[in-house]
Amino acid sequence: MKLKDIVERLHLESATPRCGLDREVSGGYASDLLSDVMANSREGNVWVTLQVHQNIIAVASLKELSGIIIVNGRKAEQEVLAKAEQEDIPVMLTGLQTFEIAGRLCEIGIRGNTK
């Protein structure tokens, strides 16, 4: 499934309109601990987090994640979004909590990583 399909189906707001949403999503990962995401997420995952600082962009770029969904109605600073666009990391926003958006991702066929 592509990011644009997820944005449409889950009514997410794109915070980085210059980043394309045509990326394929291989699965999902939810965590607010950067070291956990670095250790356990996989290339192509969409990452669900409440973190809004610039380090999320660095981690997403390093891990080659398809995008970031920021939860709980949080909004990243403009500098963070500018960095995301520079690194071509789509950032999406939702007012839902992590538990709820993760459940909805599963409902539309996005699964977590299995070992």
PDB file of N, CA and C in Angstrom:
ATOM      1  N   MET A   1       0.836  -1.173   0.000  1.00  0.00           N
ATOM      2  CA  MET A   1       0.000   0.000   0.000  1.00  0.00           C
ATOM      3  C   MET A   1       0.890   1.248   0.000  1.00  0.00           C
ATOM      4  N   LYS A   2       0.438   2.282  -0.647  1.00  0.00           N
ATOM      5  CA  LYS A   2       1.197   3.527  -0.712  1.00  0.00           C
ATOM      6  C   LYS A   2       0.774   4.481   0.407  1.00  0.00           C
ATOM      7  N   LEU A   3       1.686   5.379   0.758  1.00  0.00           N
ATOM      8  CA  LEU A   3       1.392   6.371   1.796  1.00  0.00           C
ATOM      9  C   LEU A   3       0.135   7.173   1.474  1.00  0.00           C
ATOM     10  N   LYS A   4      -0.043   7.543   0.205  1.00  0.00           N
ATOM     11  CA  LYS A   4      -1.206   8.356  -0.152  1.00  0.00           C
ATOM     12  C   LYS A   4      -2.510   7.619   0.149  1.00  0.00           C
ATOM     13  N   ASP A   5      -2.525   6.293   0.007  1.00  0.00           N
ATOM     14  CA  ASP A   5      -3.709   5.512   0.339  1.00  0.00           C
ATOM     15  C   ASP A   5      -3.982   5.560   1.840  1.00  0.00           C
ATOM     16  N   ILE A   6      -2.927   5.477   2.631  1.00  0.00           N
ATOM     17  CA  ILE A   6      -3.061   5.546   4.091  1.00  0.00           C
ATOM     18  C   ILE A   6      -3.581   6.915   4.506  1.00  0.00           C
ATOM     19  N   VAL A   7      -3.010   7.973   3.927  1.00  0.00           N
ATOM     20  CA  VAL A   7      -3.447   9.343   4.247  1.00  0.00           C
ATOM     21  C   VAL A   7      -4.930   9.498   3.947  1.00  0.00           C
ATOM     22  N   GLU A   8      -5.373   9.025   2.790  1.00  0.00           N
ATOM     23  CA  GLU A   8      -6.772   9.150   2.394  1.00  0.00           C
ATOM     24  C   GLU A   8      -7.686   8.317   3.289  1.00  0.00           C
ATOM     25  N   ARG A   9      -7.327   7.075   3.512  1.00  0.00           N
ATOM     26  CA  ARG A   9      -8.211   6.166   4.253  1.00  0.00           C
ATOM     27  C   ARG A   9      -8.300   6.497   5.733  1.00  0.00           C
ATOM     28  N   LEU A  10      -7.217   7.039   6.303  1.00  0.00           N
ATOM     29  CA  LEU A  10      -7.221   7.338   7.739  1.00  0.00           C
ATOM     30  C   LEU A  10      -7.380   8.833   8.025  1.00  0.00           C
ATOM     31  N   HIS A  11      -7.615   9.609   6.969  1.00  0.00           N
ATOM     32  CA  HIS A  11      -7.859  11.052   7.101  1.00  0.00           C
ATOM     33  C   HIS A  11      -6.724  11.752   7.846  1.00  0.00           C
ATOM     34  N   LEU A  12      -5.499  11.457   7.420  1.00  0.00           N
ATOM     35  CA  LEU A  12      -4.325  12.088   8.014  1.00  0.00           C
ATOM     36  C   LEU A  12      -4.058  13.421   7.325  1.00  0.00           C
ATOM     37  N   GLU A  13      -3.400  14.322   8.039  1.00  0.00           N
ATOM     38  CA  GLU A  13      -2.996  15.604   7.469  1.00  0.00           C
ATOM     39  C   GLU A  13      -1.529  15.500   7.066  1.00  0.00           C
ATOM     40  N   SER A  14      -1.229  15.884   5.841  1.00  0.00           N
ATOM     41  CA  SER A  14       0.165  15.897   5.400  1.00  0.00           C
ATOM     42  C   SER A  14       0.795  17.209   5.835  1.00  0.00           C
ATOM     43  N   ALA A  15       1.835  17.123   6.655  1.00  0.00           N
ATOM     44  CA  ALA A  15       2.527  18.317   7.143  1.00  0.00           C
ATOM     45  C   ALA A  15       3.692  18.703   6.237  1.00  0.00           C
ATOM     46  N   THR A  16       4.012  17.843   5.278  1.00  0.00           N
ATOM     47  CA  THR A  16       5.135  18.083   4.360  1.00  0.00           C
ATOM     48  C   THR A  16       4.637  17.902   2.926  1.00  0.00           C
ATOM     49  N   PRO A  17       3.895  18.870   2.420  1.00  0.00           N
ATOM     50  CA  PRO A  17       3.264  18.700   1.101  1.00  0.00           C
ATOM     51  C   PRO A  17       4.239  18.537  -0.056  1.00  0.00           C
ATOM     52  N   ARG A  18       5.491  18.948   0.117  1.00  0.00           N
ATOM     53  CA  ARG A  18       6.465  18.788  -0.964  1.00  0.00           C
ATOM     54  C   ARG A  18       7.032  17.380  -1.036  1.00  0.00           C
ATOM     55  N   CYS A  19       6.760  16.578  -0.016  1.00  0.00           N
ATOM     56  CA  CYS A  19       7.234  15.181  -0.022  1.00  0.00           C
ATOM     57  C   CYS A  19       6.171  14.318  -0.681  1.00  0.00           C
ATOM     58  N   GLY A  20       6.605  13.500  -1.605  1.00  0.00           N
ATOM     59  CA  GLY A  20       5.685  12.627  -2.303  1.00  0.00           C
ATOM     60  C   GLY A  20       5.124  11.536  -1.406  1.00  0.00           C
ATOM     61  N   LEU A  21       3.887  11.197  -1.652  1.00  0.00           N
ATOM     62  CA  LEU A  21       3.227  10.141  -0.881  1.00  0.00           C
ATOM     63  C   LEU A  21       3.089   8.865  -1.702  1.00  0.00           C
ATOM     64  N   ASP A  22       3.923   8.724  -2.741  1.00  0.00           N
ATOM     65  CA  ASP A  22       3.856   7.540  -3.594  1.00  0.00           C
ATOM     66  C   ASP A  22       4.728   6.391  -3.104  1.00  0.00           C
ATOM     67  N   ARG A  23       5.302   6.541  -1.927  1.00  0.00           N
ATOM     68  CA  ARG A  23       6.160   5.483  -1.378  1.00  0.00           C
ATOM     69  C   ARG A  23       5.326   4.285  -0.931  1.00  0.00           C
ATOM     70  N   GLU A  24       5.883   3.116  -1.181  1.00  0.00           N
ATOM     71  CA  GLU A  24       5.264   1.882  -0.694  1.00  0.00           C
ATOM     72  C   GLU A  24       5.546   1.736   0.797  1.00  0.00           C
ATOM     73  N   VAL A  25       4.580   1.236   1.521  1.00  0.00           N
ATOM     74  CA  VAL A  25       4.719   0.989   2.953  1.00  0.00           C
ATOM     75  C   VAL A  25       4.816  -0.515   3.160  1.00  0.00           C
ATOM     76  N   SER A  26       5.925  -0.951   3.758  1.00  0.00           N
ATOM     77  CA  SER A  26       6.165  -2.385   3.968  1.00  0.00           C
ATOM     78  C   SER A  26       5.574  -2.898   5.272  1.00  0.00           C
ATOM     79  N   GLY A  27       5.247  -2.003   6.181  1.00  0.00           N
ATOM     80  CA  GLY A  27       4.712  -2.369   7.489  1.00  0.00           C
ATOM     81  C   GLY A  27       4.711  -1.145   8.370  1.00  0.00           C
ATOM     82  N   GLY A  28       4.437  -1.352   9.640  1.00  0.00           N
ATOM     83  CA  GLY A  28       4.387  -0.226  10.558  1.00  0.00           C
ATOM     84  C   GLY A  28       5.179  -0.489  11.820  1.00  0.00           C
ATOM     85  N   TYR A  29       5.588   0.605  12.452  1.00  0.00           N
ATOM     86  CA  TYR A  29       6.290   0.504  13.727  1.00  0.00           C
ATOM     87  C   TYR A  29       5.849   1.664  14.596  1.00  0.00           C
ATOM     88  N   ALA A  30       5.519   1.382  15.858  1.00  0.00           N
ATOM     89  CA  ALA A  30       5.075   2.416  16.793  1.00  0.00           C
ATOM     90  C   ALA A  30       5.995   2.423  18.000  1.00  0.00           C
ATOM     91  N   SER A  31       6.640   3.557  18.236  1.00  0.00           N
ATOM     92  CA  SER A  31       7.502   3.721  19.398  1.00  0.00           C
ATOM     93  C   SER A  31       7.865   5.183  19.537  1.00  0.00           C
ATOM     94  N   ASP A  32       8.098   5.594  20.777  1.00  0.00           N
ATOM     95  CA  ASP A  32       8.547   6.954  21.048  1.00  0.00           C
ATOM     96  C   ASP A  32      10.000   6.989  21.479  1.00  0.00           C
ATOM     97  N   LEU A  33      10.614   5.832  21.534  1.00  0.00           N
ATOM     98  CA  LEU A  33      12.015   5.724  21.945  1.00  0.00           C
ATOM     99  C   LEU A  33      12.880   5.585  20.689  1.00  0.00           C
ATOM    100  N   LEU A  34      13.693   6.593  20.409  1.00  0.00           N
ATOM    101  CA  LEU A  34      14.458   6.608  19.160  1.00  0.00           C
ATOM    102  C   LEU A  34      15.364   5.402  19.015  1.00  0.00           C
ATOM    103  N   SER A  35      16.019   4.985  20.096  1.00  0.00           N
ATOM    104  CA  SER A  35      16.915   3.828  20.010  1.00  0.00           C
ATOM    105  C   SER A  35      16.139   2.559  19.665  1.00  0.00           C
ATOM    106  N   ASP A  36      14.908   2.452  20.132  1.00  0.00           N
ATOM    107  CA  ASP A  36      14.070   1.304  19.800  1.00  0.00           C
ATOM    108  C   ASP A  36      13.728   1.306  18.313  1.00  0.00           C
ATOM    109  N   VAL A  37      13.386   2.457  17.778  1.00  0.00           N
ATOM    110  CA  VAL A  37      13.071   2.565  16.351  1.00  0.00           C
ATOM    111  C   VAL A  37      14.303   2.235  15.514  1.00  0.00           C
ATOM    112  N   MET A  38      15.449   2.734  15.933  1.00  0.00           N
ATOM    113  CA  MET A  38      16.690   2.439  15.206  1.00  0.00           C
ATOM    114  C   MET A  38      17.004   0.945  15.219  1.00  0.00           C
ATOM    115  N   ALA A  39      16.716   0.278  16.319  1.00  0.00           N
ATOM    116  CA  ALA A  39      17.044  -1.141  16.443  1.00  0.00           C
ATOM    117  C   ALA A  39      16.020  -2.058  15.779  1.00  0.00           C
ATOM    118  N   ASN A  40      14.747  -1.647  15.727  1.00  0.00           N
ATOM    119  CA  ASN A  40      13.708  -2.600  15.362  1.00  0.00           C
ATOM    120  C   ASN A  40      12.842  -2.257  14.159  1.00  0.00           C
ATOM    121  N   SER A  41      12.841  -1.016  13.703  1.00  0.00           N
ATOM    122  CA  SER A  41      12.037  -0.698  12.521  1.00  0.00           C
ATOM    123  C   SER A  41      12.766  -1.206  11.278  1.00  0.00           C
ATOM    124  N   ARG A  42      12.025  -1.284  10.205  1.00  0.00           N
ATOM    125  CA  ARG A  42      12.600  -1.790   8.955  1.00  0.00           C
ATOM    126  C   ARG A  42      12.359  -0.812   7.814  1.00  0.00           C
ATOM    127  N   GLU A  43      13.221  -0.878   6.847  1.00  0.00           N
ATOM    128  CA  GLU A  43      13.073  -0.036   5.659  1.00  0.00           C
ATOM    129  C   GLU A  43      11.654  -0.136   5.118  1.00  0.00           C
ATOM    130  N   GLY A  44      11.070   1.015   4.810  1.00  0.00           N
ATOM    131  CA  GLY A  44       9.724   1.047   4.249  1.00  0.00           C
ATOM    132  C   GLY A  44       8.613   1.100   5.272  1.00  0.00           C
ATOM    133  N   ASN A  45       8.939   0.958   6.555  1.00  0.00           N
ATOM    134  CA  ASN A  45       7.908   1.062   7.597  1.00  0.00           C
ATOM    135  C   ASN A  45       7.397   2.488   7.691  1.00  0.00           C
ATOM    136  N   VAL A  46       6.144   2.618   8.090  1.00  0.00           N
ATOM    137  CA  VAL A  46       5.613   3.910   8.507  1.00  0.00           C
ATOM    138  C   VAL A  46       5.731   3.921  10.028  1.00  0.00           C
ATOM    139  N   TRP A  47       6.252   5.004  10.569  1.00  0.00           N
ATOM    140  CA  TRP A  47       6.552   5.104  12.006  1.00  0.00           C
ATOM    141  C   TRP A  47       5.510   5.965  12.683  1.00  0.00           C
ATOM    142  N   VAL A  48       4.910   5.447  13.750  1.00  0.00           N
ATOM    143  CA  VAL A  48       3.925   6.167  14.554  1.00  0.00           C
ATOM    144  C   VAL A  48       4.603   6.607  15.844  1.00  0.00           C
ATOM    145  N   THR A  49       4.552   7.924  16.130  1.00  0.00           N
ATOM    146  CA  THR A  49       5.221   8.468  17.314  1.00  0.00           C
ATOM    147  C   THR A  49       4.541   9.744  17.780  1.00  0.00           C
ATOM    148  N   LEU A  50       4.807  10.110  19.025  1.00  0.00           N
ATOM    149  CA  LEU A  50       4.378  11.420  19.515  1.00  0.00           C
ATOM    150  C   LEU A  50       5.533  12.408  19.574  1.00  0.00           C
ATOM    151  N   GLN A  51       6.730  11.953  19.226  1.00  0.00           N
ATOM    152  CA  GLN A  51       7.902  12.833  19.206  1.00  0.00           C
ATOM    153  C   GLN A  51       7.774  13.843  18.056  1.00  0.00           C
ATOM    154  N   VAL A  52       8.249  15.069  18.295  1.00  0.00           N
ATOM    155  CA  VAL A  52       8.135  16.103  17.268  1.00  0.00           C
ATOM    156  C   VAL A  52       9.445  16.850  17.016  1.00  0.00           C
ATOM    157  N   HIS A  53      10.540  16.391  17.591  1.00  0.00           N
ATOM    158  CA  HIS A  53      11.813  17.085  17.452  1.00  0.00           C
ATOM    159  C   HIS A  53      12.561  16.601  16.210  1.00  0.00           C
ATOM    160  N   GLN A  54      13.645  17.305  15.875  1.00  0.00           N
ATOM    161  CA  GLN A  54      14.371  17.040  14.641  1.00  0.00           C
ATOM    162  C   GLN A  54      15.004  15.652  14.559  1.00  0.00           C
ATOM    163  N   ASN A  55      15.269  15.028  15.678  1.00  0.00           N
ATOM    164  CA  ASN A  55      15.903  13.711  15.637  1.00  0.00           C
ATOM    165  C   ASN A  55      15.025  12.650  14.990  1.00  0.00           C
ATOM    166  N   ILE A  56      13.706  12.856  14.970  1.00  0.00           N
ATOM    167  CA  ILE A  56      12.852  11.866  14.303  1.00  0.00           C
ATOM    168  C   ILE A  56      13.138  11.823  12.805  1.00  0.00           C
ATOM    169  N   ILE A  57      13.491  12.960  12.245  1.00  0.00           N
ATOM    170  CA  ILE A  57      13.800  13.002  10.814  1.00  0.00           C
ATOM    171  C   ILE A  57      15.108  12.256  10.548  1.00  0.00           C
ATOM    172  N   ALA A  58      16.083  12.457  11.410  1.00  0.00           N
ATOM    173  CA  ALA A  58      17.366  11.757  11.248  1.00  0.00           C
ATOM    174  C   ALA A  58      17.180  10.245  11.327  1.00  0.00           C
ATOM    175  N   VAL A  59      16.388   9.786  12.283  1.00  0.00           N
ATOM    176  CA  VAL A  59      16.155   8.344  12.439  1.00  0.00           C
ATOM    177  C   VAL A  59      15.396   7.797  11.227  1.00  0.00           C
ATOM    178  N   ALA A  60      14.367   8.489  10.798  1.00  0.00           N
ATOM    179  CA  ALA A  60      13.587   8.030   9.643  1.00  0.00           C
ATOM    180  C   ALA A  60      14.450   7.966   8.385  1.00  0.00           C
ATOM    181  N   SER A  61      15.330   8.934   8.222  1.00  0.00           N
ATOM    182  CA  SER A  61      16.227   8.939   7.065  1.00  0.00           C
ATOM    183  C   SER A  61      17.234   7.789   7.155  1.00  0.00           C
ATOM    184  N   LEU A  62      17.837   7.621   8.324  1.00  0.00           N
ATOM    185  CA  LEU A  62      18.809   6.557   8.547  1.00  0.00           C
ATOM    186  C   LEU A  62      18.209   5.179   8.265  1.00  0.00           C
ATOM    187  N   LYS A  63      16.991   4.956   8.722  1.00  0.00           N
ATOM    188  CA  LYS A  63      16.334   3.651   8.575  1.00  0.00           C
ATOM    189  C   LYS A  63      15.570   3.513   7.256  1.00  0.00           C
ATOM    190  N   GLU A  64      15.549   4.578   6.452  1.00  0.00           N
ATOM    191  CA  GLU A  64      14.831   4.582   5.183  1.00  0.00           C
ATOM    192  C   GLU A  64      13.355   4.222   5.370  1.00  0.00           C
ATOM    193  N   LEU A  65      12.736   4.889   6.351  1.00  0.00           N
ATOM    194  CA  LEU A  65      11.321   4.677   6.615  1.00  0.00           C
ATOM    195  C   LEU A  65      10.490   5.394   5.557  1.00  0.00           C
ATOM    196  N   SER A  66       9.287   4.897   5.316  1.00  0.00           N
ATOM    197  CA  SER A  66       8.445   5.503   4.279  1.00  0.00           C
ATOM    198  C   SER A  66       7.847   6.823   4.744  1.00  0.00           C
ATOM    199  N   GLY A  67       7.662   6.992   6.045  1.00  0.00           N
ATOM    200  CA  GLY A  67       7.096   8.229   6.563  1.00  0.00           C
ATOM    201  C   GLY A  67       6.876   8.148   8.054  1.00  0.00           C
ATOM    202  N   ILE A  68       6.440   9.276   8.624  1.00  0.00           N
ATOM    203  CA  ILE A  68       6.217   9.396  10.059  1.00  0.00           C
ATOM    204  C   ILE A  68       4.794   9.896  10.281  1.00  0.00           C
ATOM    205  N   ILE A  69       4.073   9.242  11.187  1.00  0.00           N
ATOM    206  CA  ILE A  69       2.763   9.723  11.620  1.00  0.00           C
ATOM    207  C   ILE A  69       2.917  10.227  13.054  1.00  0.00           C
ATOM    208  N   ILE A  70       2.650  11.509  13.250  1.00  0.00           N
ATOM    209  CA  ILE A  70       2.710  12.111  14.584  1.00  0.00           C
ATOM    210  C   ILE A  70       1.299  12.134  15.155  1.00  0.00           C
ATOM    211  N   VAL A  71       1.157  11.632  16.376  1.00  0.00           N
ATOM    212  CA  VAL A  71      -0.151  11.424  17.003  1.00  0.00           C
ATOM    213  C   VAL A  71      -0.503  12.506  18.028  1.00  0.00           C
ATOM    214  N   ASN A  72      -1.690  12.345  18.613  1.00  0.00           N
ATOM    215  CA  ASN A  72      -2.187  13.168  19.719  1.00  0.00           C
ATOM    216  C   ASN A  72      -2.342  14.645  19.372  1.00  0.00           C
ATOM    217  N   GLY A  73      -2.500  14.959  18.101  1.00  0.00           N
ATOM    218  CA  GLY A  73      -2.675  16.342  17.691  1.00  0.00           C
ATOM    219  C   GLY A  73      -1.422  17.194  17.803  1.00  0.00           C
ATOM    220  N   ARG A  74      -0.290  16.547  18.027  1.00  0.00           N
ATOM    221  CA  ARG A  74       0.976  17.289  18.129  1.00  0.00           C
ATOM    222  C   ARG A  74       1.400  17.783  16.758  1.00  0.00           C
ATOM    223  N   LYS A  75       2.126  18.894  16.773  1.00  0.00           N
ATOM    224  CA  LYS A  75       2.628  19.474  15.530  1.00  0.00           C
ATOM    225  C   LYS A  75       4.110  19.747  15.673  1.00  0.00           C
ATOM    226  N   ALA A  76       4.862  19.405  14.657  1.00  0.00           N
ATOM    227  CA  ALA A  76       6.300  19.658  14.655  1.00  0.00           C
ATOM    228  C   ALA A  76       6.556  21.125  14.307  1.00  0.00           C
ATOM    229  N   GLU A  77       7.665  21.644  14.822  1.00  0.00           N
ATOM    230  CA  GLU A  77       8.086  23.006  14.503  1.00  0.00           C
ATOM    231  C   GLU A  77       8.403  23.106  13.009  1.00  0.00           C
ATOM    232  N   GLN A  78       8.345  24.317  12.480  1.00  0.00           N
ATOM    233  CA  GLN A  78       8.609  24.536  11.058  1.00  0.00           C
ATOM    234  C   GLN A  78      10.002  24.074  10.657  1.00  0.00           C
ATOM    235  N   GLU A  79      10.997  24.232  11.554  1.00  0.00           N
ATOM    236  CA  GLU A  79      12.360  23.791  11.232  1.00  0.00           C
ATOM    237  C   GLU A  79      12.419  22.277  11.033  1.00  0.00           C
ATOM    238  N   VAL A  80      11.641  21.558  11.830  1.00  0.00           N
ATOM    239  CA  VAL A  80      11.597  20.098  11.716  1.00  0.00           C
ATOM    240  C   VAL A  80      10.969  19.705  10.380  1.00  0.00           C
ATOM    241  N   LEU A  81       9.889  20.367  10.027  1.00  0.00           N
ATOM    242  CA  LEU A  81       9.212  20.056   8.767  1.00  0.00           C
ATOM    243  C   LEU A  81      10.079  20.433   7.569  1.00  0.00           C
ATOM    244  N   ALA A  82      10.818  21.519   7.679  1.00  0.00           N
ATOM    245  CA  ALA A  82      11.741  21.904   6.603  1.00  0.00           C
ATOM    246  C   ALA A  82      12.822  20.843   6.435  1.00  0.00           C
ATOM    247  N   LYS A  83      13.340  20.320   7.536  1.00  0.00           N
ATOM    248  CA  LYS A  83      14.347  19.252   7.485  1.00  0.00           C
ATOM    249  C   LYS A  83      13.738  17.988   6.870  1.00  0.00           C
ATOM    250  N   ALA A  84      12.496  17.687   7.232  1.00  0.00           N
ATOM    251  CA  ALA A  84      11.814  16.522   6.663  1.00  0.00           C
ATOM    252  C   ALA A  84      11.700  16.658   5.148  1.00  0.00           C
ATOM    253  N   GLU A  85      11.330  17.845   4.682  1.00  0.00           N
ATOM    254  CA  GLU A  85      11.217  18.051   3.240  1.00  0.00           C
ATOM    255  C   GLU A  85      12.590  17.968   2.566  1.00  0.00           C
ATOM    256  N   GLN A  86      13.607  18.484   3.222  1.00  0.00           N
ATOM    257  CA  GLN A  86      14.967  18.403   2.683  1.00  0.00           C
ATOM    258  C   GLN A  86      15.416  16.948   2.553  1.00  0.00           C
ATOM    259  N   GLU A  87      15.053  16.121   3.537  1.00  0.00           N
ATOM    260  CA  GLU A  87      15.426  14.698   3.531  1.00  0.00           C
ATOM    261  C   GLU A  87      14.401  13.826   2.792  1.00  0.00           C
ATOM    262  N   ASP A  88      13.311  14.447   2.308  1.00  0.00           N
ATOM    263  CA  ASP A  88      12.212  13.758   1.619  1.00  0.00           C
ATOM    264  C   ASP A  88      11.583  12.684   2.510  1.00  0.00           C
ATOM    265  N   ILE A  89      11.278  13.078   3.744  1.00  0.00           N
ATOM    266  CA  ILE A  89      10.594  12.200   4.694  1.00  0.00           C
ATOM    267  C   ILE A  89       9.181  12.749   4.925  1.00  0.00           C
ATOM    268  N   PRO A  90       8.150  12.113   4.398  1.00  0.00           N
ATOM    269  CA  PRO A  90       6.797  12.594   4.621  1.00  0.00           C
ATOM    270  C   PRO A  90       6.415  12.527   6.100  1.00  0.00           C
ATOM    271  N   VAL A  91       5.819  13.601   6.592  1.00  0.00           N
ATOM    272  CA  VAL A  91       5.324  13.672   7.962  1.00  0.00           C
ATOM    273  C   VAL A  91       3.824  13.907   7.896  1.00  0.00           C
ATOM    274  N   MET A  92       3.077  13.048   8.579  1.00  0.00           N
ATOM    275  CA  MET A  92       1.629  13.144   8.615  1.00  0.00           C
ATOM    276  C   MET A  92       1.172  13.337  10.051  1.00  0.00           C
ATOM    277  N   LEU A  93       0.030  13.973  10.223  1.00  0.00           N
ATOM    278  CA  LEU A  93      -0.479  14.290  11.554  1.00  0.00           C
ATOM    279  C   LEU A  93      -1.860  13.691  11.761  1.00  0.00           C
ATOM    280  N   THR A  94      -2.138  13.328  13.029  1.00  0.00           N
ATOM    281  CA  THR A  94      -3.464  12.862  13.413  1.00  0.00           C
ATOM    282  C   THR A  94      -3.744  13.281  14.851  1.00  0.00           C
ATOM    283  N   GLY A  95      -4.997  13.485  15.145  1.00  0.00           N
ATOM    284  CA  GLY A  95      -5.403  13.778  16.512  1.00  0.00           C
ATOM    285  C   GLY A  95      -5.581  12.515  17.338  1.00  0.00           C
ATOM    286  N   LEU A  96      -5.517  11.354  16.686  1.00  0.00           N
ATOM    287  CA  LEU A  96      -5.699  10.085  17.384  1.00  0.00           C
ATOM    288  C   LEU A  96      -4.493   9.735  18.235  1.00  0.00           C
ATOM    289  N   GLN A  97      -4.730   8.890  19.238  1.00  0.00           N
ATOM    290  CA  GLN A  97      -3.649   8.366  20.064  1.00  0.00           C
ATOM    291  C   GLN A  97      -2.959   7.217  19.321  1.00  0.00           C
ATOM    292  N   THR A  98      -1.757   6.887  19.762  1.00  0.00           N
ATOM    293  CA  THR A  98      -0.971   5.819  19.131  1.00  0.00           C
ATOM    294  C   THR A  98      -1.763   4.518  19.035  1.00  0.00           C
ATOM    295  N   PHE A  99      -2.404   4.118  20.129  1.00  0.00           N
ATOM    296  CA  PHE A  99      -3.154   2.859  20.148  1.00  0.00           C
ATOM    297  C   PHE A  99      -4.213   2.841  19.052  1.00  0.00           C
ATOM    298  N   GLU A 100      -4.934   3.939  18.916  1.00  0.00           N
ATOM    299  CA  GLU A 100      -6.025   4.015  17.949  1.00  0.00           C
ATOM    300  C   GLU A 100      -5.510   3.999  16.509  1.00  0.00           C
ATOM    301  N   ILE A 101      -4.498   4.788  16.198  1.00  0.00           N
ATOM    302  CA  ILE A 101      -4.001   4.833  14.818  1.00  0.00           C
ATOM    303  C   ILE A 101      -3.326   3.513  14.444  1.00  0.00           C
ATOM    304  N   ALA A 102      -2.658   2.872  15.404  1.00  0.00           N
ATOM    305  CA  ALA A 102      -2.054   1.562  15.127  1.00  0.00           C
ATOM    306  C   ALA A 102      -3.141   0.541  14.790  1.00  0.00           C
ATOM    307  N   GLY A 103      -4.231   0.576  15.517  1.00  0.00           N
ATOM    308  CA  GLY A 103      -5.344  -0.326  15.237  1.00  0.00           C
ATOM    309  C   GLY A 103      -5.935  -0.083  13.859  1.00  0.00           C
ATOM    310  N   ARG A 104      -6.072   1.169  13.508  1.00  0.00           N
ATOM    311  CA  ARG A 104      -6.620   1.503  12.187  1.00  0.00           C
ATOM    312  C   ARG A 104      -5.663   1.120  11.068  1.00  0.00           C
ATOM    313  N   LEU A 105      -4.371   1.254  11.301  1.00  0.00           N
ATOM    314  CA  LEU A 105      -3.401   0.792  10.306  1.00  0.00           C
ATOM    315  C   LEU A 105      -3.542  -0.713  10.093  1.00  0.00           C
ATOM    316  N   CYS A 106      -3.708  -1.451  11.173  1.00  0.00           N
ATOM    317  CA  CYS A 106      -3.902  -2.911  11.057  1.00  0.00           C
ATOM    318  C   CYS A 106      -5.179  -3.221  10.291  1.00  0.00           C
ATOM    319  N   GLU A 107      -6.243  -2.474  10.570  1.00  0.00           N
ATOM    320  CA  GLU A 107      -7.524  -2.700   9.889  1.00  0.00           C
ATOM    321  C   GLU A 107      -7.420  -2.555   8.378  1.00  0.00           C
ATOM    322  N   ILE A 108      -6.548  -1.662   7.911  1.00  0.00           N
ATOM    323  CA  ILE A 108      -6.429  -1.468   6.469  1.00  0.00           C
ATOM    324  C   ILE A 108      -5.309  -2.316   5.857  1.00  0.00           C
ATOM    325  N   GLY A 109      -4.704  -3.184   6.656  1.00  0.00           N
ATOM    326  CA  GLY A 109      -3.743  -4.153   6.131  1.00  0.00           C
ATOM    327  C   GLY A 109      -2.285  -3.877   6.401  1.00  0.00           C
ATOM    328  N   ILE A 110      -1.969  -2.831   7.147  1.00  0.00           N
ATOM    329  CA  ILE A 110      -0.563  -2.560   7.510  1.00  0.00           C
ATOM    330  C   ILE A 110      -0.240  -3.331   8.764  1.00  0.00           C
ATOM    331  N   ARG A 111       0.730  -4.179   8.704  1.00  0.00           N
ATOM    332  CA  ARG A 111       1.107  -5.038   9.827  1.00  0.00           C
ATOM    333  C   ARG A 111       2.431  -4.612  10.424  1.00  0.00           C
ATOM    334  N   GLY A 112       2.644  -5.018  11.662  1.00  0.00           N
ATOM    335  CA  GLY A 112       3.928  -4.780  12.323  1.00  0.00           C
ATOM    336  C   GLY A 112       4.959  -5.773  11.827  1.00  0.00           C
ATOM    337  N   ASN A 113       6.181  -5.547  12.232  1.00  0.00           N
ATOM    338  CA  ASN A 113       7.281  -6.436  11.845  1.00  0.00           C
ATOM    339  C   ASN A 113       7.223  -7.717  12.658  1.00  0.00           C
ATOM    340  N   THR A 114       7.451  -8.828  12.013  1.00  0.00           N
ATOM    341  CA  THR A 114       7.560 -10.092  12.720  1.00  0.00           C
ATOM    342  C   THR A 114       8.966 -10.620  12.535  1.00  0.00           C
ATOM    343  N   LYS A 115       9.439 -11.333  13.540  1.00  0.00           N
ATOM    344  CA  LYS A 115      10.803 -11.854  13.456  1.00  0.00           C
ATOM    345  C   LYS A 115      10.837 -13.246  12.927  1.00  0.00           C
TER     346      LYS A 115
END
